[in-house]
Amino acid sequence: DLLAAARAKALELAGSGTRRQARDLDRQLQPGDREAFEQAAAEAL
């Protein structure tokens, strides 16, 4: 049931005591990520 599942998820998030925002997320970049991105961007272009 979508409404029940959404309500449960909302309560779970509210009870966690933290407010998540995109600006606070750890990028968690790995070695080679920049090179992989540049290659994918070059292929797309």
All heavy atoms as atom14 arrays in JSON, in Angstrom:
{
  "sequence": "DLLAAARAKALELAGSGTRRQARDLDRQLQPGDREAFEQAAAEAL",
  "atom14_mask": [
    [1, 1, 1, 1, 1, 1, 1, 1, 0, 0, 0, 0, 0, 0],
    [1, 1, 1, 1, 1, 1, 1, 1, 0, 0, 0, 0, 0, 0],
    [1, 1, 1, 1, 1, 1, 1, 1, 0, 0, 0, 0, 0, 0],
    [1, 1, 1, 1, 1, 0, 0, 0, 0, 0, 0, 0, 0, 0],
    [1, 1, 1, 1, 1, 0, 0, 0, 0, 0, 0, 0, 0, 0],
    [1, 1, 1, 1, 1, 0, 0, 0, 0, 0, 0, 0, 0, 0],
    [1, 1, 1, 1, 1, 1, 1, 1, 1, 1, 1, 0, 0, 0],
    [1, 1, 1, 1, 1, 0, 0, 0, 0, 0, 0, 0, 0, 0],
    [1, 1, 1, 1, 1, 1, 1, 1, 1, 0, 0, 0, 0, 0],
    [1, 1, 1, 1, 1, 0, 0, 0, 0, 0, 0, 0, 0, 0],
    [1, 1, 1, 1, 1, 1, 1, 1, 0, 0, 0, 0, 0, 0],
    [1, 1, 1, 1, 1, 1, 1, 1, 1, 0, 0, 0, 0, 0],
    [1, 1, 1, 1, 1, 1, 1, 1, 0, 0, 0, 0, 0, 0],
    [1, 1, 1, 1, 1, 0, 0, 0, 0, 0, 0, 0, 0, 0],
    [1, 1, 1, 1, 0, 0, 0, 0, 0, 0, 0, 0, 0, 0],
    [1, 1, 1, 1, 1, 1, 0, 0, 0, 0, 0, 0, 0, 0],
    [1, 1, 1, 1, 0, 0, 0, 0, 0, 0, 0, 0, 0, 0],
    [1, 1, 1, 1, 1, 1, 1, 0, 0, 0, 0, 0, 0, 0],
    [1, 1, 1, 1, 1, 1, 1, 1, 1, 1, 1, 0, 0, 0],
    [1, 1, 1, 1, 1, 1, 1, 1, 1, 1, 1, 0, 0, 0],
    [1, 1, 1, 1, 1, 1, 1, 1, 1, 0, 0, 0, 0, 0],
    [1, 1, 1, 1, 1, 0, 0, 0, 0, 0, 0, 0, 0, 0],
    [1, 1, 1, 1, 1, 1, 1, 1, 1, 1, 1, 0, 0, 0],
    [1, 1, 1, 1, 1, 1, 1, 1, 0, 0, 0, 0, 0, 0],
    [1, 1, 1, 1, 1, 1, 1, 1, 0, 0, 0, 0, 0, 0],
    [1, 1, 1, 1, 1, 1, 1, 1, 0, 0, 0, 0, 0, 0],
    [1, 1, 1, 1, 1, 1, 1, 1, 1, 1, 1, 0, 0, 0],
    [1, 1, 1, 1, 1, 1, 1, 1, 1, 0, 0, 0, 0, 0],
    [1, 1, 1, 1, 1, 1, 1, 1, 0, 0, 0, 0, 0, 0],
    [1, 1, 1, 1, 1, 1, 1, 1, 1, 0, 0, 0, 0, 0],
    [1, 1, 1, 1, 1, 1, 1, 0, 0, 0, 0, 0, 0, 0],
    [1, 1, 1, 1, 0, 0, 0, 0, 0, 0, 0, 0, 0, 0],
    [1, 1, 1, 1, 1, 1, 1, 1, 0, 0, 0, 0, 0, 0],
    [1, 1, 1, 1, 1, 1, 1, 1, 1, 1, 1, 0, 0, 0],
    [1, 1, 1, 1, 1, 1, 1, 1, 1, 0, 0, 0, 0, 0],
    [1, 1, 1, 1, 1, 0, 0, 0, 0, 0, 0, 0, 0, 0],
    [1, 1, 1, 1, 1, 1, 1, 1, 1, 1, 1, 0, 0, 0],
    [1, 1, 1, 1, 1, 1, 1, 1, 1, 0, 0, 0, 0, 0],
    [1, 1, 1, 1, 1, 1, 1, 1, 1, 0, 0, 0, 0, 0],
    [1, 1, 1, 1, 1, 0, 0, 0, 0, 0, 0, 0, 0, 0],
    [1, 1, 1, 1, 1, 0, 0, 0, 0, 0, 0, 0, 0, 0],
    [1, 1, 1, 1, 1, 0, 0, 0, 0, 0, 0, 0, 0, 0],
    [1, 1, 1, 1, 1, 1, 1, 1, 1, 0, 0, 0, 0, 0],
    [1, 1, 1, 1, 1, 0, 0, 0, 0, 0, 0, 0, 0, 0],
    [1, 1, 1, 1, 1, 1, 1, 1, 0, 0, 0, 0, 0, 0]
  ],
  "atom14_positions": [
    [[0.83, -1.19, 0.0], [0.0, 0.0, 0.0], [0.88, 1.25, 0.0], [1.66, 1.48, 0.93], [-0.9, 0.0, 1.23], [-1.79, 1.23, 1.26], [-2.81, 1.23, 0.55], [-1.43, 2.18, 1.97], [0.0, 0.0, 0.0], [0.0, 0.0, 0.0], [0.0, 0.0, 0.0], [0.0, 0.0, 0.0], [0.0, 0.0, 0.0], [0.0, 0.0, 0.0]],
    [[0.75, 2.07, -1.04], [1.67, 3.19, -1.24], [1.55, 4.22, -0.13], [2.55, 4.69, 0.42], [1.41, 3.83, -2.61], [2.29, 5.03, -2.96], [3.77, 4.64, -2.98], [1.9, 5.61, -4.32], [0.0, 0.0, 0.0], [0.0, 0.0, 0.0], [0.0, 0.0, 0.0], [0.0, 0.0, 0.0], [0.0, 0.0, 0.0], [0.0, 0.0, 0.0]],
    [[0.32, 4.58, 0.23], [0.12, 5.62, 1.25], [0.67, 5.18, 2.6], [1.37, 5.94, 3.28], [-1.37, 5.96, 1.36], [-1.71, 7.17, 2.24], [-1.03, 8.43, 1.71], [-3.22, 7.38, 2.28], [0.0, 0.0, 0.0], [0.0, 0.0, 0.0], [0.0, 0.0, 0.0], [0.0, 0.0, 0.0], [0.0, 0.0, 0.0], [0.0, 0.0, 0.0]],
    [[0.41, 3.93, 2.97], [0.91, 3.43, 4.26], [2.43, 3.38, 4.27], [3.08, 3.75, 5.26], [0.33, 2.05, 4.53], [0.0, 0.0, 0.0], [0.0, 0.0, 0.0], [0.0, 0.0, 0.0], [0.0, 0.0, 0.0], [0.0, 0.0, 0.0], [0.0, 0.0, 0.0], [0.0, 0.0, 0.0], [0.0, 0.0, 0.0], [0.0, 0.0, 0.0]],
    [[3.04, 2.94, 3.13], [4.49, 2.85, 3.06], [5.12, 4.24, 3.12], [6.15, 4.45, 3.77], [4.91, 2.13, 1.78], [0.0, 0.0, 0.0], [0.0, 0.0, 0.0], [0.0, 0.0, 0.0], [0.0, 0.0, 0.0], [0.0, 0.0, 0.0], [0.0, 0.0, 0.0], [0.0, 0.0, 0.0], [0.0, 0.0, 0.0], [0.0, 0.0, 0.0]],
    [[4.5, 5.21, 2.43], [5.02, 6.57, 2.43], [4.93, 7.18, 3.83], [5.86, 7.87, 4.29], [4.25, 7.42, 1.43], [0.0, 0.0, 0.0], [0.0, 0.0, 0.0], [0.0, 0.0, 0.0], [0.0, 0.0, 0.0], [0.0, 0.0, 0.0], [0.0, 0.0, 0.0], [0.0, 0.0, 0.0], [0.0, 0.0, 0.0], [0.0, 0.0, 0.0]],
    [[3.84, 6.92, 4.53], [3.67, 7.44, 5.89], [4.74, 6.85, 6.82], [5.37, 7.57, 7.61], [2.27, 7.09, 6.39], [1.96, 7.61, 7.79], [0.51, 7.29, 8.15], [0.17, 7.84, 9.46], [0.39, 7.22, 10.61], [0.96, 6.01, 10.6], [0.06, 7.78, 11.76], [0.0, 0.0, 0.0], [0.0, 0.0, 0.0], [0.0, 0.0, 0.0]],
    [[4.97, 5.55, 6.7], [5.97, 4.89, 7.54], [7.36, 5.45, 7.26], [8.15, 5.7, 8.19], [5.95, 3.38, 7.3], [0.0, 0.0, 0.0], [0.0, 0.0, 0.0], [0.0, 0.0, 0.0], [0.0, 0.0, 0.0], [0.0, 0.0, 0.0], [0.0, 0.0, 0.0], [0.0, 0.0, 0.0], [0.0, 0.0, 0.0], [0.0, 0.0, 0.0]],
    [[7.68, 5.69, 5.98], [8.98, 6.23, 5.61], [9.14, 7.66, 6.13], [10.22, 8.03, 6.64], [9.17, 6.18, 4.09], [10.5, 6.71, 3.6], [11.66, 6.0, 4.27], [12.34, 5.02, 3.42], [13.53, 4.42, 4.03], [0.0, 0.0, 0.0], [0.0, 0.0, 0.0], [0.0, 0.0, 0.0], [0.0, 0.0, 0.0], [0.0, 0.0, 0.0]],
    [[8.08, 8.46, 6.04], [8.14, 9.84, 6.53], [8.39, 9.87, 8.04], [9.2, 10.66, 8.54], [6.84, 10.57, 6.18], [0.0, 0.0, 0.0], [0.0, 0.0, 0.0], [0.0, 0.0, 0.0], [0.0, 0.0, 0.0], [0.0, 0.0, 0.0], [0.0, 0.0, 0.0], [0.0, 0.0, 0.0], [0.0, 0.0, 0.0], [0.0, 0.0, 0.0]],
    [[7.7, 8.99, 8.77], [7.89, 8.93, 10.23], [9.3, 8.46, 10.58], [9.93, 8.95, 11.52], [6.85, 8.01, 10.86], [5.4, 8.54, 10.84], [4.43, 7.45, 11.28], [5.26, 9.77, 11.74], [0.0, 0.0, 0.0], [0.0, 0.0, 0.0], [0.0, 0.0, 0.0], [0.0, 0.0, 0.0], [0.0, 0.0, 0.0], [0.0, 0.0, 0.0]],
    [[9.8, 7.51, 9.8], [11.16, 7.02, 10.02], [12.19, 8.14, 9.83], [13.1, 8.32, 10.66], [11.45, 5.87, 9.06], [12.88, 5.36, 9.1], [13.19, 4.47, 7.91], [12.28, 3.77, 7.42], [14.36, 4.49, 7.44], [0.0, 0.0, 0.0], [0.0, 0.0, 0.0], [0.0, 0.0, 0.0], [0.0, 0.0, 0.0], [0.0, 0.0, 0.0]],
    [[12.03, 8.9, 8.77], [12.96, 10.0, 8.5], [12.84, 11.1, 9.56], [13.85, 11.65, 10.02], [12.7, 10.58, 7.1], [13.02, 9.65, 5.92], [12.53, 10.27, 4.61], [14.51, 9.37, 5.84], [0.0, 0.0, 0.0], [0.0, 0.0, 0.0], [0.0, 0.0, 0.0], [0.0, 0.0, 0.0], [0.0, 0.0, 0.0], [0.0, 0.0, 0.0]],
    [[11.6, 11.4, 9.94], [11.39, 12.44, 10.95], [11.99, 12.03, 12.3], [12.51, 12.87, 13.05], [9.91, 12.74, 11.09], [0.0, 0.0, 0.0], [0.0, 0.0, 0.0], [0.0, 0.0, 0.0], [0.0, 0.0, 0.0], [0.0, 0.0, 0.0], [0.0, 0.0, 0.0], [0.0, 0.0, 0.0], [0.0, 0.0, 0.0], [0.0, 0.0, 0.0]],
    [[11.94, 10.75, 12.61], [12.45, 10.27, 13.89], [13.95, 10.11, 13.94], [14.51, 9.82, 14.99], [0.0, 0.0, 0.0], [0.0, 0.0, 0.0], [0.0, 0.0, 0.0], [0.0, 0.0, 0.0], [0.0, 0.0, 0.0], [0.0, 0.0, 0.0], [0.0, 0.0, 0.0], [0.0, 0.0, 0.0], [0.0, 0.0, 0.0], [0.0, 0.0, 0.0]],
    [[14.6, 10.28, 12.79], [16.06, 10.09, 12.77], [16.81, 11.24, 13.41], [17.98, 11.11, 13.75], [16.53, 9.91, 11.33], [16.34, 11.12, 10.59], [0.0, 0.0, 0.0], [0.0, 0.0, 0.0], [0.0, 0.0, 0.0], [0.0, 0.0, 0.0], [0.0, 0.0, 0.0], [0.0, 0.0, 0.0], [0.0, 0.0, 0.0], [0.0, 0.0, 0.0]],
    [[16.14, 12.41, 13.54], [16.76, 13.54, 14.19], [17.73, 14.32, 13.33], [18.36, 15.27, 13.79], [0.0, 0.0, 0.0], [0.0, 0.0, 0.0], [0.0, 0.0, 0.0], [0.0, 0.0, 0.0], [0.0, 0.0, 0.0], [0.0, 0.0, 0.0], [0.0, 0.0, 0.0], [0.0, 0.0, 0.0], [0.0, 0.0, 0.0], [0.0, 0.0, 0.0]],
    [[17.88, 13.93, 12.06], [18.78, 14.67, 11.15], [18.0, 15.13, 9.94], [17.09, 14.44, 9.46], [19.95, 13.78, 10.69], [19.43, 12.63, 10.02], [20.81, 13.35, 11.87], [0.0, 0.0, 0.0], [0.0, 0.0, 0.0], [0.0, 0.0, 0.0], [0.0, 0.0, 0.0], [0.0, 0.0, 0.0], [0.0, 0.0, 0.0], [0.0, 0.0, 0.0]],
    [[18.37, 16.29, 9.47], [17.76, 16.83, 8.25], [18.76, 16.69, 7.11], [19.86, 17.24, 7.18], [17.4, 18.3, 8.45], [16.71, 18.92, 7.24], [16.41, 20.38, 7.48], [15.78, 20.98, 6.32], [15.6, 22.29, 6.17], [15.98, 23.12, 7.12], [15.01, 22.76, 5.08], [0.0, 0.0, 0.0], [0.0, 0.0, 0.0], [0.0, 0.0, 0.0]],
    [[18.39, 15.93, 6.11], [19.31, 15.67, 5.01], [19.13, 16.72, 3.92], [18.02, 17.02, 3.5], [19.05, 14.28, 4.42], [19.26, 13.16, 5.44], [19.04, 11.81, 4.79], [17.72, 11.75, 4.14], [17.37, 10.84, 3.24], [18.25, 9.94, 2.85], [16.17, 10.83, 2.73], [0.0, 0.0, 0.0], [0.0, 0.0, 0.0], [0.0, 0.0, 0.0]],
    [[20.25, 17.27, 3.48], [20.22, 18.22, 2.36], [21.33, 17.82, 1.39], [22.4, 17.35, 1.82], [20.45, 19.65, 2.84], [19.37, 20.16, 3.79], [19.57, 21.62, 4.1], [19.24, 22.47, 3.29], [20.1, 21.91, 5.27], [0.0, 0.0, 0.0], [0.0, 0.0, 0.0], [0.0, 0.0, 0.0], [0.0, 0.0, 0.0], [0.0, 0.0, 0.0]],
    [[21.08, 18.06, 0.15], [22.06, 17.69, -0.86], [23.41, 18.36, -0.6], [24.47, 17.77, -0.79], [21.54, 18.06, -2.25], [0.0, 0.0, 0.0], [0.0, 0.0, 0.0], [0.0, 0.0, 0.0], [0.0, 0.0, 0.0], [0.0, 0.0, 0.0], [0.0, 0.0, 0.0], [0.0, 0.0, 0.0], [0.0, 0.0, 0.0], [0.0, 0.0, 0.0]],
    [[23.38, 19.6, -0.13], [24.63, 20.34, 0.05], [25.5, 19.73, 1.16], [26.69, 19.99, 1.24], [24.31, 21.81, 0.37], [23.78, 22.07, 1.76], [23.32, 23.5, 1.93], [22.11, 23.76, 1.14], [21.99, 24.79, 0.29], [22.97, 25.63, 0.12], [20.88, 24.97, -0.38], [0.0, 0.0, 0.0], [0.0, 0.0, 0.0], [0.0, 0.0, 0.0]],
    [[24.9, 18.91, 2.03], [25.64, 18.34, 3.15], [26.19, 16.94, 2.83], [26.93, 16.38, 3.62], [24.74, 18.24, 4.38], [24.24, 19.62, 4.83], [25.0, 20.58, 4.68], [23.11, 19.7, 5.33], [0.0, 0.0, 0.0], [0.0, 0.0, 0.0], [0.0, 0.0, 0.0], [0.0, 0.0, 0.0], [0.0, 0.0, 0.0], [0.0, 0.0, 0.0]],
    [[25.78, 16.37, 1.7], [26.18, 15.0, 1.4], [27.66, 14.93, 1.07], [28.21, 15.79, 0.38], [25.38, 14.45, 0.21], [23.88, 14.26, 0.46], [23.2, 13.77, -0.81], [23.63, 13.27, 1.59], [0.0, 0.0, 0.0], [0.0, 0.0, 0.0], [0.0, 0.0, 0.0], [0.0, 0.0, 0.0], [0.0, 0.0, 0.0], [0.0, 0.0, 0.0]],
    [[28.31, 13.89, 1.55], [29.72, 13.65, 1.24], [29.79, 13.16, -0.2], [29.14, 12.19, -0.59], [30.27, 12.6, 2.2], [31.75, 12.32, 1.97], [32.32, 12.92, 1.03], [32.33, 11.52, 2.71], [0.0, 0.0, 0.0], [0.0, 0.0, 0.0], [0.0, 0.0, 0.0], [0.0, 0.0, 0.0], [0.0, 0.0, 0.0], [0.0, 0.0, 0.0]],
    [[30.6, 13.84, -1.01], [30.69, 13.44, -2.42], [31.29, 12.04, -2.57], [31.03, 11.35, -3.54], [31.56, 14.44, -3.19], [30.9, 15.81, -3.36], [31.84, 16.71, -4.12], [31.26, 18.04, -4.28], [31.98, 19.14, -4.39], [33.3, 19.08, -4.34], [31.41, 20.31, -4.55], [0.0, 0.0, 0.0], [0.0, 0.0, 0.0], [0.0, 0.0, 0.0]],
    [[32.14, 11.66, -1.67], [32.75, 10.33, -1.69], [33.41, 10.04, -3.04], [33.21, 8.98, -3.65], [31.71, 9.25, -1.37], [31.14, 9.38, 0.04], [30.12, 8.31, 0.35], [29.4, 7.87, -0.54], [30.05, 7.9, 1.6], [0.0, 0.0, 0.0], [0.0, 0.0, 0.0], [0.0, 0.0, 0.0], [0.0, 0.0, 0.0], [0.0, 0.0, 0.0]],
    [[34.18, 11.01, -3.53], [34.87, 10.81, -4.8], [35.99, 9.79, -4.64], [36.68, 9.76, -3.62], [35.45, 12.13, -5.3], [34.41, 13.18, -5.72], [35.1, 14.48, -6.08], [33.6, 12.68, -6.89], [0.0, 0.0, 0.0], [0.0, 0.0, 0.0], [0.0, 0.0, 0.0], [0.0, 0.0, 0.0], [0.0, 0.0, 0.0], [0.0, 0.0, 0.0]],
    [[36.15, 8.96, -5.64], [37.19, 7.94, -5.64], [38.28, 8.31, -6.64], [38.04, 9.07, -7.59], [36.58, 6.58, -6.03], [35.42, 6.14, -5.15], [35.84, 5.95, -3.7], [36.93, 5.43, -3.43], [35.0, 6.37, -2.77], [0.0, 0.0, 0.0], [0.0, 0.0, 0.0], [0.0, 0.0, 0.0], [0.0, 0.0, 0.0], [0.0, 0.0, 0.0]],
    [[39.48, 7.78, -6.45], [40.54, 8.03, -7.45], [40.07, 7.58, -8.83], [39.52, 6.49, -8.99], [41.7, 7.16, -6.93], [41.44, 7.01, -5.47], [39.95, 6.98, -5.31], [0.0, 0.0, 0.0], [0.0, 0.0, 0.0], [0.0, 0.0, 0.0], [0.0, 0.0, 0.0], [0.0, 0.0, 0.0], [0.0, 0.0, 0.0], [0.0, 0.0, 0.0]],
    [[40.28, 8.41, -9.8], [39.89, 8.08, -11.18], [38.51, 8.58, -11.56], [38.12, 8.51, -12.73], [0.0, 0.0, 0.0], [0.0, 0.0, 0.0], [0.0, 0.0, 0.0], [0.0, 0.0, 0.0], [0.0, 0.0, 0.0], [0.0, 0.0, 0.0], [0.0, 0.0, 0.0], [0.0, 0.0, 0.0], [0.0, 0.0, 0.0], [0.0, 0.0, 0.0]],
    [[37.72, 9.09, -10.58], [36.38, 9.57, -10.91], [36.42, 10.71, -11.92], [35.61, 10.76, -12.85], [35.65, 10.03, -9.64], [35.08, 8.86, -8.84], [35.19, 7.72, -9.32], [34.53, 9.09, -7.75], [0.0, 0.0, 0.0], [0.0, 0.0, 0.0], [0.0, 0.0, 0.0], [0.0, 0.0, 0.0], [0.0, 0.0, 0.0], [0.0, 0.0, 0.0]],
    [[37.35, 11.65, -11.71], [37.42, 12.81, -12.61], [37.78, 12.36, -14.03], [37.19, 12.81, -15.0], [38.46, 13.81, -12.08], [38.65, 15.07, -12.97], [37.41, 15.94, -12.97], [37.54, 17.08, -13.85], [37.96, 18.3, -13.46], [38.31, 18.51, -12.2], [38.04, 19.29, -14.32], [0.0, 0.0, 0.0], [0.0, 0.0, 0.0], [0.0, 0.0, 0.0]],
    [[38.73, 11.45, -14.12], [39.14, 10.96, -15.44], [37.99, 10.22, -16.13], [37.75, 10.38, -17.34], [40.35, 10.03, -15.31], [41.64, 10.71, -14.89], [41.69, 11.04, -13.41], [40.78, 10.58, -12.65], [42.62, 11.76, -13.01], [0.0, 0.0, 0.0], [0.0, 0.0, 0.0], [0.0, 0.0, 0.0], [0.0, 0.0, 0.0], [0.0, 0.0, 0.0]],
    [[37.26, 9.42, -15.35], [36.12, 8.69, -15.92], [35.04, 9.65, -16.4], [34.43, 9.45, -17.48], [35.54, 7.73, -14.88], [0.0, 0.0, 0.0], [0.0, 0.0, 0.0], [0.0, 0.0, 0.0], [0.0, 0.0, 0.0], [0.0, 0.0, 0.0], [0.0, 0.0, 0.0], [0.0, 0.0, 0.0], [0.0, 0.0, 0.0], [0.0, 0.0, 0.0]],
    [[34.81, 10.71, -15.61], [33.83, 11.71, -16.03], [34.25, 12.38, -17.33], [33.45, 12.53, -18.26], [33.63, 12.78, -14.95], [33.05, 14.06, -15.49], [31.7, 14.13, -15.83], [33.85, 15.17, -15.74], [31.17, 15.28, -16.39], [33.32, 16.32, -16.28], [31.98, 16.38, -16.6], [0.0, 0.0, 0.0], [0.0, 0.0, 0.0], [0.0, 0.0, 0.0]],
    [[35.51, 12.82, -17.4], [35.98, 13.54, -18.59], [35.87, 12.67, -19.84], [35.53, 13.14, -20.92], [37.42, 14.02, -18.39], [37.59, 15.09, -17.31], [36.87, 16.4, -17.64], [36.4, 16.57, -18.78], [36.78, 17.26, -16.74], [0.0, 0.0, 0.0], [0.0, 0.0, 0.0], [0.0, 0.0, 0.0], [0.0, 0.0, 0.0], [0.0, 0.0, 0.0]],
    [[36.14, 11.38, -19.68], [36.01, 10.46, -20.82], [34.56, 10.34, -21.26], [34.24, 10.41, -22.46], [36.57, 9.09, -20.46], [36.48, 8.08, -21.62], [37.02, 6.71, -21.23], [37.69, 6.56, -20.21], [36.73, 5.71, -22.03], [0.0, 0.0, 0.0], [0.0, 0.0, 0.0], [0.0, 0.0, 0.0], [0.0, 0.0, 0.0], [0.0, 0.0, 0.0]],
    [[33.65, 10.18, -20.29], [32.22, 10.07, -20.62], [31.71, 11.35, -21.25], [30.93, 11.32, -22.21], [31.42, 9.74, -19.36], [0.0, 0.0, 0.0], [0.0, 0.0, 0.0], [0.0, 0.0, 0.0], [0.0, 0.0, 0.0], [0.0, 0.0, 0.0], [0.0, 0.0, 0.0], [0.0, 0.0, 0.0], [0.0, 0.0, 0.0], [0.0, 0.0, 0.0]],
    [[32.16, 12.5, -20.74], [31.73, 13.78, -21.29], [32.23, 13.96, -22.72], [31.49, 14.41, -23.61], [32.23, 14.92, -20.4], [0.0, 0.0, 0.0], [0.0, 0.0, 0.0], [0.0, 0.0, 0.0], [0.0, 0.0, 0.0], [0.0, 0.0, 0.0], [0.0, 0.0, 0.0], [0.0, 0.0, 0.0], [0.0, 0.0, 0.0], [0.0, 0.0, 0.0]],
    [[33.48, 13.58, -22.97], [34.04, 13.7, -24.31], [33.28, 12.84, -25.31], [33.0, 13.25, -26.45], [35.53, 13.33, -24.3], [0.0, 0.0, 0.0], [0.0, 0.0, 0.0], [0.0, 0.0, 0.0], [0.0, 0.0, 0.0], [0.0, 0.0, 0.0], [0.0, 0.0, 0.0], [0.0, 0.0, 0.0], [0.0, 0.0, 0.0], [0.0, 0.0, 0.0]],
    [[32.92, 11.62, -24.89], [32.17, 10.71, -25.78], [30.78, 11.27, -26.08], [30.3, 11.21, -27.22], [32.07, 9.33, -25.13], [33.4, 8.59, -25.08], [33.32, 7.31, -24.26], [32.23, 7.04, -23.7], [34.33, 6.58, -24.2], [0.0, 0.0, 0.0], [0.0, 0.0, 0.0], [0.0, 0.0, 0.0], [0.0, 0.0, 0.0], [0.0, 0.0, 0.0]],
    [[30.12, 11.82, -25.05], [28.79, 12.39, -25.25], [28.84, 13.59, -26.18], [27.97, 13.77, -27.05], [28.18, 12.78, -23.9], [0.0, 0.0, 0.0], [0.0, 0.0, 0.0], [0.0, 0.0, 0.0], [0.0, 0.0, 0.0], [0.0, 0.0, 0.0], [0.0, 0.0, 0.0], [0.0, 0.0, 0.0], [0.0, 0.0, 0.0], [0.0, 0.0, 0.0]],
    [[29.87, 14.43, -26.03], [30.02, 15.61, -26.88], [30.32, 15.21, -28.32], [29.85, 15.84, -29.27], [31.11, 16.52, -26.33], [30.75, 17.28, -25.05], [32.0, 17.83, -24.39], [29.77, 18.41, -25.36], [0.0, 0.0, 0.0], [0.0, 0.0, 0.0], [0.0, 0.0, 0.0], [0.0, 0.0, 0.0], [0.0, 0.0, 0.0], [0.0, 0.0, 0.0]]
  ]
}
